[in-house]
Every structure is written in structure tokens, then in C-alpha cells.
N, C-alpha and C. Protein backbone atom coordinates (compact mmCIF):
# COMPACT_ATOMS: atom_id res chain seq x y z
N MET A 1 8.49 -42.08 7.70
CA MET A 1 8.53 -40.65 7.59
C MET A 1 7.37 -39.98 8.31
N TYR A 2 6.14 -40.56 8.20
CA TYR A 2 4.97 -39.94 8.78
C TYR A 2 4.92 -40.07 10.30
N ASP A 3 5.82 -40.89 10.89
CA ASP A 3 5.81 -41.02 12.34
C ASP A 3 6.38 -39.77 13.03
N ILE A 4 7.03 -38.89 12.28
CA ILE A 4 7.58 -37.68 12.89
C ILE A 4 6.78 -36.43 12.51
N CYS A 5 5.69 -36.56 11.76
CA CYS A 5 4.91 -35.39 11.38
C CYS A 5 3.62 -35.33 12.20
N HIS A 6 2.97 -34.21 12.13
CA HIS A 6 1.73 -33.99 12.86
C HIS A 6 0.68 -34.99 12.37
N PRO A 7 -0.13 -35.56 13.26
CA PRO A 7 -1.14 -36.54 12.83
C PRO A 7 -2.13 -35.97 11.80
N SER A 8 -2.48 -34.70 11.93
CA SER A 8 -3.42 -34.10 10.98
C SER A 8 -2.78 -33.98 9.60
N TYR A 9 -1.49 -33.70 9.55
CA TYR A 9 -0.81 -33.63 8.27
C TYR A 9 -0.88 -35.00 7.58
N TYR A 10 -0.65 -36.03 8.35
CA TYR A 10 -0.72 -37.39 7.81
C TYR A 10 -2.13 -37.69 7.29
N ARG A 11 -3.16 -37.36 8.06
CA ARG A 11 -4.55 -37.63 7.64
C ARG A 11 -4.92 -36.81 6.41
N ILE A 12 -4.50 -35.55 6.34
CA ILE A 12 -4.78 -34.73 5.16
C ILE A 12 -4.09 -35.33 3.94
N SER A 13 -2.88 -35.83 4.11
CA SER A 13 -2.16 -36.41 2.98
C SER A 13 -2.80 -37.72 2.51
N GLN A 14 -3.60 -38.35 3.36
CA GLN A 14 -4.25 -39.60 3.00
C GLN A 14 -5.63 -39.41 2.36
N LEU A 15 -6.08 -38.17 2.21
CA LEU A 15 -7.41 -37.90 1.64
C LEU A 15 -7.51 -38.27 0.16
N GLY A 16 -6.40 -38.23 -0.55
CA GLY A 16 -6.41 -38.57 -1.97
C GLY A 16 -5.67 -37.60 -2.86
N CYS A 17 -5.39 -36.44 -2.36
CA CYS A 17 -4.65 -35.45 -3.13
C CYS A 17 -3.19 -35.86 -3.19
N LYS A 18 -2.59 -35.76 -4.36
CA LYS A 18 -1.19 -36.13 -4.54
C LYS A 18 -0.25 -34.93 -4.62
N ASN A 19 -0.82 -33.73 -4.69
CA ASN A 19 -0.04 -32.52 -4.83
C ASN A 19 0.46 -32.07 -3.46
N GLU A 20 1.77 -32.11 -3.27
CA GLU A 20 2.39 -31.78 -1.98
C GLU A 20 2.12 -30.34 -1.56
N LEU A 21 2.11 -29.42 -2.53
CA LEU A 21 1.84 -28.01 -2.22
C LEU A 21 0.43 -27.83 -1.67
N LYS A 22 -0.54 -28.49 -2.28
CA LYS A 22 -1.93 -28.39 -1.80
C LYS A 22 -2.07 -28.99 -0.40
N ILE A 23 -1.41 -30.10 -0.16
CA ILE A 23 -1.47 -30.76 1.15
C ILE A 23 -0.86 -29.86 2.22
N THR A 24 0.31 -29.33 1.94
CA THR A 24 0.99 -28.46 2.91
C THR A 24 0.20 -27.19 3.18
N THR A 25 -0.34 -26.57 2.12
CA THR A 25 -1.14 -25.36 2.28
C THR A 25 -2.38 -25.65 3.12
N ALA A 26 -3.05 -26.76 2.83
CA ALA A 26 -4.24 -27.13 3.60
C ALA A 26 -3.89 -27.37 5.07
N PHE A 27 -2.76 -27.99 5.33
CA PHE A 27 -2.35 -28.24 6.71
C PHE A 27 -2.09 -26.92 7.46
N TYR A 28 -1.37 -26.00 6.82
CA TYR A 28 -1.09 -24.72 7.47
C TYR A 28 -2.38 -23.94 7.75
N ILE A 29 -3.31 -23.96 6.81
CA ILE A 29 -4.60 -23.27 7.02
C ILE A 29 -5.38 -23.97 8.13
N TYR A 30 -5.35 -25.30 8.15
CA TYR A 30 -6.00 -26.06 9.20
C TYR A 30 -5.45 -25.66 10.58
N MET A 31 -4.14 -25.58 10.68
CA MET A 31 -3.53 -25.21 11.96
C MET A 31 -3.87 -23.78 12.35
N GLU A 32 -3.91 -22.88 11.37
CA GLU A 32 -4.26 -21.49 11.66
C GLU A 32 -5.70 -21.38 12.17
N LEU A 33 -6.61 -22.12 11.53
CA LEU A 33 -8.01 -22.08 11.97
C LEU A 33 -8.17 -22.65 13.38
N CYS A 34 -7.43 -23.72 13.66
CA CYS A 34 -7.53 -24.35 14.99
C CYS A 34 -6.81 -23.55 16.07
N GLU A 35 -5.58 -23.20 15.83
CA GLU A 35 -4.73 -22.63 16.88
C GLU A 35 -4.82 -21.11 17.01
N GLU A 36 -4.88 -20.39 15.89
CA GLU A 36 -4.89 -18.93 15.96
C GLU A 36 -6.30 -18.35 16.00
N LYS A 37 -7.17 -18.85 15.13
CA LYS A 37 -8.51 -18.30 15.06
C LYS A 37 -9.46 -18.98 16.05
N LYS A 38 -9.04 -20.11 16.61
CA LYS A 38 -9.82 -20.84 17.62
C LYS A 38 -11.23 -21.18 17.14
N LEU A 39 -11.33 -21.70 15.92
CA LEU A 39 -12.62 -22.09 15.37
C LEU A 39 -13.02 -23.46 15.88
N TRP A 40 -14.31 -23.75 15.80
CA TRP A 40 -14.86 -24.98 16.33
C TRP A 40 -15.02 -26.04 15.24
N GLY A 41 -14.82 -27.29 15.61
CA GLY A 41 -15.09 -28.42 14.73
C GLY A 41 -14.46 -28.34 13.36
N VAL A 42 -13.20 -28.00 13.30
CA VAL A 42 -12.53 -27.87 12.00
C VAL A 42 -12.33 -29.27 11.41
N GLU A 43 -12.85 -29.45 10.20
CA GLU A 43 -12.74 -30.73 9.50
C GLU A 43 -12.07 -30.51 8.15
N TYR A 44 -11.35 -31.50 7.67
CA TYR A 44 -10.77 -31.41 6.33
C TYR A 44 -11.47 -32.43 5.45
N LYS A 45 -11.74 -32.00 4.22
CA LYS A 45 -12.43 -32.83 3.24
C LYS A 45 -11.67 -32.77 1.92
N TYR A 46 -12.01 -33.67 1.04
CA TYR A 46 -11.36 -33.71 -0.27
C TYR A 46 -12.40 -33.88 -1.36
N GLU A 47 -12.35 -33.04 -2.37
CA GLU A 47 -13.22 -33.15 -3.54
C GLU A 47 -12.36 -33.68 -4.68
N GLN A 48 -12.58 -34.94 -5.02
CA GLN A 48 -11.73 -35.63 -5.98
C GLN A 48 -11.81 -35.03 -7.38
N GLU A 49 -13.00 -34.67 -7.83
CA GLU A 49 -13.16 -34.16 -9.19
C GLU A 49 -12.39 -32.85 -9.40
N LEU A 50 -12.31 -32.01 -8.37
CA LEU A 50 -11.57 -30.75 -8.46
C LEU A 50 -10.14 -30.88 -7.96
N ASP A 51 -9.81 -32.05 -7.39
CA ASP A 51 -8.51 -32.26 -6.73
C ASP A 51 -8.29 -31.12 -5.72
N LEU A 52 -9.27 -30.98 -4.82
CA LEU A 52 -9.30 -29.85 -3.90
C LEU A 52 -9.49 -30.31 -2.47
N ILE A 53 -8.58 -29.88 -1.61
CA ILE A 53 -8.75 -30.08 -0.18
C ILE A 53 -9.42 -28.83 0.36
N TYR A 54 -10.49 -29.00 1.12
CA TYR A 54 -11.17 -27.86 1.71
C TYR A 54 -11.48 -28.16 3.17
N LEU A 55 -11.77 -27.11 3.91
CA LEU A 55 -11.99 -27.23 5.34
C LEU A 55 -13.37 -26.70 5.70
N LEU A 56 -13.99 -27.32 6.70
CA LEU A 56 -15.25 -26.84 7.26
C LEU A 56 -14.99 -26.46 8.70
N ALA A 57 -15.49 -25.30 9.12
CA ALA A 57 -15.26 -24.84 10.49
C ALA A 57 -16.40 -23.94 10.92
N LYS A 58 -16.59 -23.84 12.23
CA LYS A 58 -17.62 -22.99 12.81
C LYS A 58 -16.95 -21.89 13.63
N THR A 59 -17.55 -20.69 13.58
CA THR A 59 -17.00 -19.58 14.37
C THR A 59 -17.37 -19.69 15.83
N SER A 60 -18.46 -20.39 16.13
CA SER A 60 -18.84 -20.68 17.52
C SER A 60 -19.45 -22.07 17.56
N LYS A 61 -19.69 -22.56 18.74
CA LYS A 61 -20.15 -23.94 18.90
C LYS A 61 -21.47 -24.20 18.18
N ASN A 62 -22.38 -23.21 18.20
CA ASN A 62 -23.70 -23.39 17.60
C ASN A 62 -23.85 -22.74 16.24
N ALA A 63 -22.80 -22.20 15.68
CA ALA A 63 -22.87 -21.53 14.37
C ALA A 63 -22.90 -22.56 13.24
N ASP A 64 -23.28 -22.09 12.07
CA ASP A 64 -23.24 -22.94 10.88
C ASP A 64 -21.80 -23.08 10.40
N SER A 65 -21.52 -24.20 9.77
CA SER A 65 -20.17 -24.42 9.24
C SER A 65 -19.93 -23.53 8.04
N GLU A 66 -18.72 -23.02 7.93
CA GLU A 66 -18.30 -22.25 6.77
C GLU A 66 -17.22 -23.04 6.05
N THR A 67 -17.17 -22.85 4.74
CA THR A 67 -16.20 -23.56 3.91
C THR A 67 -14.98 -22.69 3.70
N TYR A 68 -13.81 -23.26 3.95
CA TYR A 68 -12.52 -22.57 3.75
C TYR A 68 -11.77 -23.32 2.66
N ILE A 69 -11.31 -22.57 1.67
CA ILE A 69 -10.56 -23.15 0.56
C ILE A 69 -9.10 -22.72 0.70
N PRO A 70 -8.21 -23.64 1.08
CA PRO A 70 -6.78 -23.29 1.14
C PRO A 70 -6.23 -23.11 -0.27
N TRP A 71 -5.50 -22.02 -0.47
CA TRP A 71 -4.95 -21.74 -1.81
C TRP A 71 -3.58 -21.13 -1.65
N SER A 72 -2.60 -21.69 -2.31
CA SER A 72 -1.25 -21.15 -2.27
C SER A 72 -1.15 -19.93 -3.17
N SER A 73 -0.42 -18.94 -2.73
CA SER A 73 -0.30 -17.70 -3.51
C SER A 73 0.48 -17.91 -4.81
N ILE A 74 1.22 -19.00 -4.93
CA ILE A 74 1.97 -19.23 -6.18
C ILE A 74 1.12 -19.92 -7.25
N ARG A 75 -0.08 -20.36 -6.87
CA ARG A 75 -0.99 -20.95 -7.85
C ARG A 75 -1.90 -19.86 -8.42
N ASN A 76 -2.13 -19.91 -9.72
CA ASN A 76 -3.05 -18.97 -10.35
C ASN A 76 -4.48 -19.34 -9.98
N LEU A 77 -5.32 -18.34 -9.81
CA LEU A 77 -6.74 -18.55 -9.53
C LEU A 77 -7.54 -17.92 -10.65
N LYS A 78 -8.36 -18.73 -11.30
CA LYS A 78 -9.17 -18.25 -12.42
C LYS A 78 -10.62 -18.16 -11.97
N LEU A 79 -11.37 -17.35 -12.66
CA LEU A 79 -12.80 -17.23 -12.38
C LEU A 79 -13.48 -18.58 -12.54
N ARG A 80 -13.04 -19.37 -13.49
CA ARG A 80 -13.60 -20.70 -13.72
C ARG A 80 -13.39 -21.59 -12.48
N ASP A 81 -12.24 -21.45 -11.80
CA ASP A 81 -11.98 -22.22 -10.58
C ASP A 81 -13.00 -21.87 -9.50
N ILE A 82 -13.28 -20.59 -9.35
CA ILE A 82 -14.23 -20.14 -8.32
C ILE A 82 -15.63 -20.69 -8.61
N VAL A 83 -16.05 -20.59 -9.87
CA VAL A 83 -17.38 -21.09 -10.26
C VAL A 83 -17.45 -22.60 -10.05
N ASP A 84 -16.41 -23.32 -10.43
CA ASP A 84 -16.39 -24.78 -10.24
C ASP A 84 -16.48 -25.15 -8.77
N ILE A 85 -15.76 -24.44 -7.92
CA ILE A 85 -15.80 -24.71 -6.48
C ILE A 85 -17.21 -24.48 -5.94
N GLN A 86 -17.82 -23.36 -6.31
CA GLN A 86 -19.17 -23.06 -5.83
C GLN A 86 -20.16 -24.11 -6.31
N ASN A 87 -20.06 -24.53 -7.56
CA ASN A 87 -21.01 -25.51 -8.10
C ASN A 87 -20.80 -26.89 -7.50
N LYS A 88 -19.56 -27.33 -7.43
CA LYS A 88 -19.28 -28.69 -6.96
C LYS A 88 -19.54 -28.85 -5.46
N LEU A 89 -19.18 -27.84 -4.67
CA LEU A 89 -19.38 -27.92 -3.22
C LEU A 89 -20.77 -27.45 -2.81
N LYS A 90 -21.53 -26.93 -3.78
CA LYS A 90 -22.89 -26.44 -3.54
C LYS A 90 -22.93 -25.43 -2.39
N CYS A 91 -22.04 -24.46 -2.46
CA CYS A 91 -22.01 -23.40 -1.44
C CYS A 91 -22.13 -22.05 -2.13
N SER A 92 -22.98 -21.20 -1.58
CA SER A 92 -23.18 -19.88 -2.19
C SER A 92 -22.01 -18.95 -1.86
N SER A 93 -21.32 -19.22 -0.75
CA SER A 93 -20.13 -18.43 -0.44
C SER A 93 -19.12 -19.32 0.27
N PHE A 94 -17.87 -18.94 0.13
CA PHE A 94 -16.81 -19.64 0.83
C PHE A 94 -15.71 -18.65 1.15
N ILE A 95 -14.79 -19.07 1.98
CA ILE A 95 -13.68 -18.21 2.35
C ILE A 95 -12.42 -18.76 1.69
N LEU A 96 -11.83 -17.93 0.85
CA LEU A 96 -10.60 -18.30 0.17
C LEU A 96 -9.44 -17.90 1.07
N ALA A 97 -8.71 -18.88 1.54
CA ALA A 97 -7.58 -18.64 2.44
C ALA A 97 -6.30 -18.75 1.63
N VAL A 98 -5.74 -17.61 1.29
CA VAL A 98 -4.54 -17.56 0.46
C VAL A 98 -3.32 -17.56 1.36
N LYS A 99 -2.47 -18.55 1.16
CA LYS A 99 -1.27 -18.73 1.98
C LYS A 99 -0.05 -18.35 1.17
N SER A 100 0.79 -17.51 1.77
CA SER A 100 2.00 -17.06 1.10
C SER A 100 3.21 -17.47 1.92
N GLY A 101 3.93 -18.45 1.46
CA GLY A 101 5.17 -18.88 2.12
C GLY A 101 4.97 -19.20 3.59
N GLU A 102 5.82 -18.62 4.43
CA GLU A 102 5.79 -18.87 5.87
C GLU A 102 4.86 -17.92 6.62
N GLY A 103 4.39 -16.87 5.94
CA GLY A 103 3.55 -15.87 6.60
C GLY A 103 2.15 -16.38 6.87
N ILE A 104 1.39 -15.58 7.62
CA ILE A 104 0.01 -15.97 7.88
C ILE A 104 -0.80 -15.77 6.61
N SER A 105 -1.95 -16.36 6.58
CA SER A 105 -2.76 -16.31 5.37
C SER A 105 -3.67 -15.09 5.36
N VAL A 106 -4.18 -14.81 4.17
CA VAL A 106 -5.14 -13.73 3.98
C VAL A 106 -6.45 -14.38 3.58
N MET A 107 -7.54 -14.00 4.25
CA MET A 107 -8.85 -14.62 4.00
C MET A 107 -9.74 -13.66 3.22
N TYR A 108 -10.35 -14.19 2.16
CA TYR A 108 -11.29 -13.42 1.34
C TYR A 108 -12.61 -14.19 1.28
N ARG A 109 -13.70 -13.50 1.52
CA ARG A 109 -15.01 -14.14 1.35
C ARG A 109 -15.42 -13.99 -0.11
N VAL A 110 -15.75 -15.11 -0.73
CA VAL A 110 -16.19 -15.13 -2.13
C VAL A 110 -17.65 -15.53 -2.13
N CYS A 111 -18.49 -14.69 -2.74
CA CYS A 111 -19.94 -14.92 -2.78
C CYS A 111 -20.38 -15.33 -4.17
N LYS A 112 -21.54 -15.95 -4.22
CA LYS A 112 -22.09 -16.43 -5.48
C LYS A 112 -22.49 -15.27 -6.38
N ASP A 113 -22.65 -15.58 -7.65
CA ASP A 113 -23.09 -14.66 -8.68
C ASP A 113 -22.06 -13.58 -8.98
N LEU A 114 -20.84 -13.99 -9.14
CA LEU A 114 -19.83 -13.05 -9.61
C LEU A 114 -20.17 -12.67 -11.05
N ILE A 115 -19.87 -11.46 -11.40
CA ILE A 115 -20.17 -10.98 -12.74
C ILE A 115 -18.94 -11.16 -13.61
N LYS A 116 -19.14 -11.75 -14.76
CA LYS A 116 -18.02 -11.93 -15.69
C LYS A 116 -17.63 -10.58 -16.27
N PRO A 117 -16.36 -10.38 -16.51
CA PRO A 117 -15.93 -9.10 -17.09
C PRO A 117 -16.49 -8.91 -18.50
N LEU A 118 -16.63 -7.65 -18.89
CA LEU A 118 -17.13 -7.33 -20.22
C LEU A 118 -16.12 -7.74 -21.28
N ALA A 119 -16.64 -8.04 -22.47
CA ALA A 119 -15.78 -8.31 -23.61
C ALA A 119 -15.14 -6.99 -24.04
N PRO A 120 -14.03 -7.03 -24.78
CA PRO A 120 -13.38 -5.78 -25.21
C PRO A 120 -14.31 -4.80 -25.92
N SER A 121 -15.23 -5.31 -26.73
CA SER A 121 -16.17 -4.42 -27.42
C SER A 121 -17.12 -3.76 -26.41
N GLY A 122 -17.53 -4.50 -25.40
CA GLY A 122 -18.39 -3.95 -24.36
C GLY A 122 -17.68 -2.90 -23.53
N ILE A 123 -16.39 -3.09 -23.33
CA ILE A 123 -15.60 -2.12 -22.56
C ILE A 123 -15.53 -0.79 -23.31
N SER A 124 -15.30 -0.86 -24.64
CA SER A 124 -15.21 0.39 -25.40
C SER A 124 -16.56 1.11 -25.44
N THR A 125 -17.65 0.37 -25.54
CA THR A 125 -18.99 0.98 -25.52
C THR A 125 -19.25 1.65 -24.18
N LYS A 126 -18.89 0.96 -23.11
CA LYS A 126 -19.08 1.52 -21.78
C LYS A 126 -18.21 2.76 -21.59
N ARG A 127 -16.99 2.70 -22.07
CA ARG A 127 -16.08 3.84 -21.97
C ARG A 127 -16.65 5.05 -22.72
N GLU A 128 -17.20 4.81 -23.93
CA GLU A 128 -17.79 5.90 -24.72
C GLU A 128 -18.96 6.54 -23.98
N SER A 129 -19.81 5.73 -23.36
CA SER A 129 -20.95 6.30 -22.63
C SER A 129 -20.48 7.07 -21.40
N MET A 130 -19.42 6.61 -20.75
CA MET A 130 -18.88 7.33 -19.60
C MET A 130 -18.28 8.67 -20.03
N VAL A 131 -17.64 8.70 -21.21
CA VAL A 131 -17.07 9.95 -21.72
C VAL A 131 -18.19 10.93 -22.04
N LYS A 132 -19.27 10.44 -22.67
CA LYS A 132 -20.42 11.30 -22.97
C LYS A 132 -21.02 11.87 -21.70
N LYS A 133 -21.18 11.03 -20.70
CA LYS A 133 -21.75 11.48 -19.42
C LYS A 133 -20.84 12.53 -18.78
N SER A 134 -19.55 12.28 -18.84
CA SER A 134 -18.60 13.23 -18.27
C SER A 134 -18.67 14.58 -18.99
N LYS A 135 -18.80 14.56 -20.32
CA LYS A 135 -18.92 15.81 -21.09
C LYS A 135 -20.19 16.55 -20.72
N LEU A 136 -21.30 15.81 -20.55
CA LEU A 136 -22.55 16.45 -20.15
C LEU A 136 -22.44 17.06 -18.76
N ASP A 137 -21.82 16.34 -17.85
CA ASP A 137 -21.61 16.87 -16.49
C ASP A 137 -20.77 18.14 -16.53
N ASP A 138 -19.72 18.14 -17.35
CA ASP A 138 -18.88 19.34 -17.49
C ASP A 138 -19.68 20.51 -18.05
N GLU A 139 -20.53 20.23 -19.06
CA GLU A 139 -21.36 21.26 -19.67
C GLU A 139 -22.34 21.85 -18.65
N ILE A 140 -22.95 21.00 -17.86
CA ILE A 140 -23.88 21.48 -16.83
C ILE A 140 -23.13 22.31 -15.79
N THR A 141 -21.97 21.85 -15.40
CA THR A 141 -21.17 22.59 -14.42
C THR A 141 -20.78 23.96 -14.97
N ARG A 142 -20.35 24.01 -16.23
CA ARG A 142 -19.97 25.29 -16.85
C ARG A 142 -21.15 26.25 -16.94
N ASN A 143 -22.33 25.70 -17.20
CA ASN A 143 -23.51 26.54 -17.40
C ASN A 143 -24.38 26.66 -16.15
N SER A 144 -23.93 26.16 -15.03
CA SER A 144 -24.76 26.18 -13.82
C SER A 144 -25.12 27.61 -13.41
N ARG A 145 -24.21 28.53 -13.58
CA ARG A 145 -24.48 29.94 -13.23
C ARG A 145 -25.60 30.49 -14.12
N ASN A 146 -25.51 30.20 -15.42
CA ASN A 146 -26.56 30.64 -16.35
C ASN A 146 -27.90 29.99 -16.02
N LEU A 147 -27.87 28.71 -15.71
CA LEU A 147 -29.11 28.00 -15.36
C LEU A 147 -29.71 28.58 -14.08
N TYR A 148 -28.87 28.91 -13.12
CA TYR A 148 -29.34 29.51 -11.87
C TYR A 148 -30.01 30.87 -12.15
N LEU A 149 -29.35 31.68 -12.95
CA LEU A 149 -29.92 33.01 -13.27
C LEU A 149 -31.23 32.87 -14.04
N LEU A 150 -31.29 31.92 -14.95
CA LEU A 150 -32.51 31.69 -15.71
C LEU A 150 -33.65 31.24 -14.79
N ALA A 151 -33.35 30.33 -13.86
CA ALA A 151 -34.36 29.86 -12.91
C ALA A 151 -34.81 31.00 -12.01
N LYS A 152 -33.91 31.83 -11.60
CA LYS A 152 -34.24 32.96 -10.73
C LYS A 152 -35.12 33.97 -11.46
N SER A 153 -34.84 34.22 -12.73
CA SER A 153 -35.66 35.16 -13.49
C SER A 153 -37.06 34.59 -13.74
N ARG A 154 -37.19 33.31 -13.80
CA ARG A 154 -38.50 32.64 -13.99
C ARG A 154 -39.37 32.75 -12.74
N GLN A 155 -38.75 32.87 -11.55
CA GLN A 155 -39.52 32.94 -10.30
C GLN A 155 -40.45 34.15 -10.31
N THR A 156 -40.02 35.26 -10.83
CA THR A 156 -40.87 36.45 -10.86
C THR A 156 -41.99 36.29 -11.88
N LYS A 157 -41.74 35.54 -12.94
CA LYS A 157 -42.76 35.32 -13.97
C LYS A 157 -43.56 34.06 -13.70
N ASN A 158 -43.19 33.30 -12.68
CA ASN A 158 -43.77 32.00 -12.41
C ASN A 158 -45.27 32.07 -12.14
N VAL A 159 -45.73 33.07 -11.42
CA VAL A 159 -47.13 33.18 -11.08
C VAL A 159 -47.97 33.32 -12.35
N ASN A 160 -47.58 34.18 -13.24
CA ASN A 160 -48.32 34.36 -14.49
C ASN A 160 -48.24 33.11 -15.36
N TYR A 161 -47.07 32.49 -15.38
CA TYR A 161 -46.88 31.30 -16.20
C TYR A 161 -47.80 30.17 -15.72
N ASN A 162 -47.89 29.94 -14.41
CA ASN A 162 -48.75 28.89 -13.86
C ASN A 162 -50.23 29.19 -14.14
N GLU A 163 -50.63 30.45 -14.07
CA GLU A 163 -52.01 30.80 -14.36
C GLU A 163 -52.34 30.50 -15.81
N GLU A 164 -51.42 30.77 -16.73
CA GLU A 164 -51.63 30.48 -18.14
C GLU A 164 -51.83 28.99 -18.36
N ILE A 165 -51.03 28.19 -17.68
CA ILE A 165 -51.14 26.73 -17.82
C ILE A 165 -52.49 26.26 -17.31
N LEU A 166 -52.96 26.80 -16.17
CA LEU A 166 -54.25 26.40 -15.62
C LEU A 166 -55.38 26.72 -16.59
N TYR A 167 -55.30 27.87 -17.22
CA TYR A 167 -56.37 28.23 -18.18
C TYR A 167 -56.35 27.30 -19.37
N LYS A 168 -55.18 26.89 -19.82
CA LYS A 168 -55.08 26.01 -20.98
C LYS A 168 -55.59 24.61 -20.65
N ILE A 169 -55.38 24.16 -19.40
CA ILE A 169 -55.82 22.81 -19.01
C ILE A 169 -57.34 22.76 -18.93
N GLU A 170 -57.98 23.82 -18.42
CA GLU A 170 -59.44 23.81 -18.28
C GLU A 170 -60.04 23.85 -19.64
């Protein structure tokens, strides 16, 4: 069977991954990086503990290698998966290449130190503070004309007011 397939497909399938979807997705991303994006030194690797095929490639001959993670759009991606990939591959950022069926892939750069979402109680607290801030902003906006007139009336009295303060400080 493998005598009629692309040699890279055969080599990717021999890395150790048994999941056909992961192998096929990795092969399509590999071909896209080589043929369409014209990247340099594209290599495929396998991380056994994560059961993950990943690719290393350079944007130019002398550039540093970047890590590409092939991911099928029908597979769920959890925050835990991203953290595990970053920790196991020891990379602060990687490019998630999401492949959807026969179409071209979409690339997302994922950087280290993602923030975990707030717990439901934290969300309600944050929402309450945002509502309070919004009410204060509305109140200031409603009273801005009054505040402007008050500030303007103080300008004429400002000279006397500042002199009083100077005398009190001395």
C-alpha cells in the first residue's frame, strides 16, 4: 500500500502515531509548509507522551526554527492541551495549524502565559464592578455641564482661593 503514497506520508506514519487523522493532517500541513509557504528545512517529529506529530520549519535559510502543530478542525482543543504542548516541547510559542477537510489550513500563533478564564464567581464580581463603573461614567456624563460651569465659576475666584491657601501653608 505504501508504495503508491508520498514518501513523506510513509515516513510520518512510521513515527509512532497510530491515529490516521493525525497522520493525514500532519502530512497535509507538511505539504502546505513545503509547497505553498516555501519554508526551509521542514522536519516532522513525534512526541510520544502527547501522541503528537509536530513540524519544525524556518521562514528563511538563516532564521530560527518555529514549531507548527497540525490540528484537525474536528478535534476539540482544550486549554490543557495547549499548556501540555508548551511544557513538553519547551517552546514559549508555537503555530497551531488548523486543517479543515480539503481546504487550506488556518495558522494561529499561540504564546506562553495564557490566562485561565475566571471562575463563575469571579465573573459576577467583575461584571458588578463594570456595572458600577458604567453608572459612574453615566453620572459624570450627565453632570459634565454642571461640572464645567462650576469649574468656570471657580476661575474668577481662583486667585483669591490660591492666596488663602498660601497664607495657610506659611
